Amino acid sequence: MKIFLIKNLLYSLLCVLLFTTNEAHAQVPEFLIPKDIVIQHAGSIGFMSLGIGYPVFKNKRGSLDFNYGYVPEGRGGTLRILSGKFAYRPWKIKISDGIKLYPANPGVFFTYHFGEQFDFYWDKDTYEDGYYWWSTALRPHISISTEVELDALKIFKTSKIKGIRLYSEFNTNELYLVSYFKNVGAVPLRNIFKLGIGLRVSL
């Protein structure tokens, strides 16, 4: 199963790299060409996930990512998850000439789980309408992350990579939040948050 996971991620990475080559630039509109490659471990979007990112706004403080994640059977799967993520970085702290810190970045994202066991709606022949209000396939999340940006041009003296960002991200979803507020005192707050760590490479 680990070999299958590695093959999945390598195939996805190959697709991303091919999509960002000069040959692809000639065939794809500029705004569709991703500027970032994102790799993340855990955090509600897969045991491991790989994706592409786009800077948002003129100041590039926002980011829009699309990730494909995989959970192997031994880690609670087998699951395949597609996610769309938005985050904004309102505060920037300059640590040194080539290092910046973004201490608290709010965000939202949606995940979609593939598979016959997941669906947008519950079976109306089995459950009364409205008996379960949530979708098993689609899940909205809110998040808060902390990010450290390394200026690759200054630190690594390379023009191939513009920047490297390391981040950690806490998130929760609507089902966890409702369960918590309906069972205050019974469900510890720490149990409804998931942690992910990731790497963003700006090309």
Protein backbone atom coordinates (compact mmCIF):
# COMPACT_ATOMS: atom_id res chain seq x y z
CA MET A 1 0.00 0.00 0.00
CA LYS A 2 2.89 2.37 0.73
CA ILE A 3 4.26 1.68 -2.77
CA PHE A 4 0.85 2.53 -4.24
CA LEU A 5 0.79 5.79 -2.25
CA ILE A 6 4.26 6.74 -3.47
CA LYS A 7 3.31 5.94 -7.08
CA ASN A 8 0.17 8.10 -6.75
CA LEU A 9 2.13 11.07 -5.45
CA LEU A 10 4.94 10.70 -7.98
CA TYR A 11 2.45 10.54 -10.84
CA SER A 12 0.69 13.65 -9.54
CA LEU A 13 4.01 15.47 -9.15
CA LEU A 14 4.98 14.56 -12.71
CA CYS A 15 1.70 15.98 -13.99
CA VAL A 16 2.29 19.22 -12.07
CA LEU A 17 5.85 19.57 -13.35
CA LEU A 18 4.77 18.95 -16.94
CA PHE A 19 1.99 21.51 -16.52
CA THR A 20 4.47 24.16 -15.41
CA THR A 21 7.07 23.66 -18.16
CA ASN A 22 7.75 26.22 -20.88
CA GLU A 23 6.07 23.98 -23.46
CA ALA A 24 2.86 24.05 -21.43
CA HIS A 25 3.06 27.84 -21.14
CA ALA A 26 2.66 28.16 -24.90
CA GLN A 27 -0.62 26.20 -24.85
CA VAL A 28 -2.26 27.28 -21.59
CA PRO A 29 -3.49 30.80 -20.70
CA GLU A 30 -1.11 32.48 -18.26
CA PHE A 31 -3.66 32.80 -15.45
CA LEU A 32 -4.20 29.02 -15.48
CA ILE A 33 -0.53 28.18 -15.01
CA PRO A 34 0.15 27.39 -11.33
CA LYS A 35 2.83 29.39 -9.55
CA ASP A 36 3.25 27.06 -6.56
CA ILE A 37 3.66 23.37 -5.87
CA VAL A 38 2.21 22.32 -2.51
CA ILE A 39 2.93 19.14 -0.54
CA GLN A 40 1.08 18.51 2.72
CA HIS A 41 0.99 15.78 5.36
CA ALA A 42 -2.32 15.19 7.18
CA GLY A 43 -4.65 18.10 7.95
CA SER A 44 -7.98 16.61 6.73
CA ILE A 45 -6.94 16.45 3.06
CA GLY A 46 -5.13 13.10 3.05
CA PHE A 47 -2.29 11.32 4.79
CA MET A 48 -0.19 12.84 2.01
CA SER A 49 -1.39 15.30 -0.60
CA LEU A 50 0.07 17.10 -3.58
CA GLY A 51 -1.30 20.16 -5.28
CA ILE A 52 -0.89 23.36 -7.23
CA GLY A 53 -1.29 26.91 -5.98
CA TYR A 54 -2.09 30.37 -7.30
CA PRO A 55 -1.32 33.70 -5.59
CA VAL A 56 -4.39 35.90 -5.14
CA PHE A 57 -4.65 39.72 -4.99
CA LYS A 58 -2.04 42.26 -6.11
CA ASN A 59 -0.09 41.95 -2.88
CA LYS A 60 -0.09 38.14 -3.24
CA ARG A 61 -1.16 37.77 0.38
CA GLY A 62 -3.89 35.34 -0.64
CA SER A 63 -3.47 31.86 -2.06
CA LEU A 64 -5.79 29.43 -3.82
CA ASP A 65 -4.71 25.77 -3.81
CA PHE A 66 -6.05 22.57 -5.32
CA ASN A 67 -4.79 19.34 -3.75
CA TYR A 68 -5.21 15.63 -4.36
CA GLY A 69 -4.76 13.58 -1.20
CA TYR A 70 -4.56 9.89 -0.44
CA VAL A 71 -5.05 7.89 2.76
CA PRO A 72 -3.69 4.32 2.64
CA GLU A 73 -5.63 1.45 4.15
CA GLY A 74 -3.26 1.18 7.10
CA ARG A 75 -3.94 4.82 8.03
CA GLY A 76 -7.74 4.68 7.99
CA GLY A 77 -8.38 4.48 4.22
CA THR A 78 -8.37 3.67 1.44
CA LEU A 79 -9.45 7.28 0.72
CA ARG A 80 -8.96 9.69 -2.17
CA ILE A 81 -9.67 13.34 -1.42
CA LEU A 82 -9.83 16.42 -3.62
CA SER A 83 -9.60 19.81 -1.88
CA GLY A 84 -9.86 23.47 -2.80
CA LYS A 85 -8.26 25.84 -0.28
CA PHE A 86 -8.14 29.60 0.21
CA ALA A 87 -5.96 31.38 2.79
CA TYR A 88 -5.09 35.00 3.49
CA ARG A 89 -1.97 36.35 5.22
CA PRO A 90 -2.94 39.62 6.97
CA TRP A 91 0.28 40.04 8.97
CA LYS A 92 3.91 39.78 7.92
CA ILE A 93 6.92 39.89 10.24
CA LYS A 94 10.40 40.31 8.76
CA ILE A 95 12.80 38.02 10.62
CA SER A 96 15.82 38.74 8.45
CA ASP A 97 16.66 39.83 4.91
CA GLY A 98 15.57 36.49 3.48
CA ILE A 99 13.09 35.16 6.06
CA LYS A 100 9.52 36.32 6.74
CA LEU A 101 6.93 35.04 9.19
CA TYR A 102 3.17 35.04 8.63
CA PRO A 103 1.92 34.28 12.17
CA ALA A 104 -1.84 33.78 11.80
CA ASN A 105 -3.44 33.13 8.42
CA PRO A 106 -7.21 32.47 8.36
CA GLY A 107 -8.58 30.26 5.64
CA VAL A 108 -11.44 28.15 4.35
CA PHE A 109 -11.46 25.02 2.26
CA PHE A 110 -13.69 22.27 0.92
CA THR A 111 -12.91 18.59 0.59
CA TYR A 112 -14.57 16.02 -1.63
CA HIS A 113 -14.18 12.30 -0.88
CA PHE A 114 -14.31 9.89 -3.80
CA GLY A 115 -15.88 6.45 -3.45
CA GLU A 116 -19.19 4.60 -3.48
CA GLN A 117 -19.47 4.94 0.31
CA PHE A 118 -19.63 8.75 0.00
CA ASP A 119 -22.49 10.81 -1.40
CA PHE A 120 -23.88 14.33 -1.37
CA TYR A 121 -27.21 13.13 0.08
CA TRP A 122 -28.40 10.36 2.37
CA ASP A 123 -30.60 7.64 0.90
CA LYS A 124 -34.18 8.94 1.16
CA ASP A 125 -35.54 5.38 1.01
CA THR A 126 -33.68 4.58 4.24
CA TYR A 127 -33.67 7.90 6.13
CA GLU A 128 -36.35 10.55 6.50
CA ASP A 129 -35.66 13.85 4.74
CA GLY A 130 -33.46 15.95 7.01
CA TYR A 131 -32.64 13.07 9.40
CA TYR A 132 -28.96 13.62 8.67
CA TRP A 133 -28.14 17.16 7.61
CA TRP A 134 -24.52 16.72 6.53
CA SER A 135 -22.98 15.33 3.37
CA THR A 136 -20.63 12.37 3.60
CA ALA A 137 -18.77 13.40 0.44
CA LEU A 138 -18.44 17.18 0.72
CA ARG A 139 -17.02 18.84 3.83
CA PRO A 140 -16.43 22.60 4.47
CA HIS A 141 -13.58 23.58 6.81
CA ILE A 142 -12.17 26.66 8.49
CA SER A 143 -8.45 26.90 9.22
CA ILE A 144 -5.69 28.95 10.80
CA SER A 145 -2.07 28.53 9.76
CA THR A 146 1.41 29.81 10.54
CA GLU A 147 3.93 30.13 7.72
CA VAL A 148 7.64 30.83 7.37
CA GLU A 149 8.83 32.11 3.97
CA LEU A 150 12.41 31.66 2.77
CA ASP A 151 13.56 33.84 -0.12
CA ALA A 152 15.28 31.26 -2.34
CA LEU A 153 16.90 33.94 -4.51
CA LYS A 154 18.77 35.34 -1.50
CA ILE A 155 19.33 32.22 0.59
CA PHE A 156 19.93 29.52 -2.01
CA LYS A 157 21.20 31.78 -4.81
CA THR A 158 19.00 30.10 -7.41
CA SER A 159 16.63 31.54 -9.97
CA LYS A 160 14.75 28.27 -10.54
CA ILE A 161 12.82 28.61 -7.27
CA LYS A 162 11.54 31.99 -6.09
CA GLY A 163 10.52 31.02 -2.59
CA ILE A 164 10.02 28.19 -0.13
CA ARG A 165 7.35 28.31 2.56
CA LEU A 166 6.99 25.92 5.49
CA TYR A 167 3.63 25.95 7.26
CA SER A 168 1.51 24.31 9.91
CA GLU A 169 -2.27 24.45 9.76
CA PHE A 170 -5.05 23.71 12.26
CA ASN A 171 -8.52 23.11 10.85
CA THR A 172 -11.97 21.90 11.78
CA ASN A 173 -15.18 21.26 9.87
CA GLU A 174 -18.86 22.04 10.28
CA LEU A 175 -19.73 18.58 11.63
CA TYR A 176 -17.06 18.75 14.34
CA LEU A 177 -18.13 22.27 15.35
CA VAL A 178 -21.81 21.36 15.64
CA SER A 179 -20.93 18.22 17.61
CA TYR A 180 -18.77 20.27 19.97
CA PHE A 181 -21.35 22.96 20.69
CA LYS A 182 -24.09 20.36 21.17
CA ASN A 183 -21.90 18.47 23.63
CA VAL A 184 -19.97 21.19 25.45
CA GLY A 185 -18.03 19.59 28.25
CA ALA A 186 -18.27 16.10 26.77
CA VAL A 187 -16.10 16.71 23.70
CA PRO A 188 -12.68 18.27 24.38
CA LEU A 189 -11.93 21.24 22.13
CA ARG A 190 -8.63 19.68 21.05
CA ASN A 191 -10.52 16.71 19.58
CA ILE A 192 -12.23 18.75 16.87
CA PHE A 193 -9.07 20.26 15.37
CA LYS A 194 -6.74 18.51 12.93
CA LEU A 195 -3.14 19.49 12.24
CA GLY A 196 -1.37 19.46 8.89
CA ILE A 197 2.17 20.44 7.98
CA GLY A 198 3.25 21.41 4.50
CA LEU A 199 5.73 22.80 2.05
CA ARG A 200 4.99 25.39 -0.63
CA VAL A 201 7.49 25.95 -3.44
CA SER A 202 7.04 29.07 -5.57
CA LEU A 203 8.30 28.75 -9.13
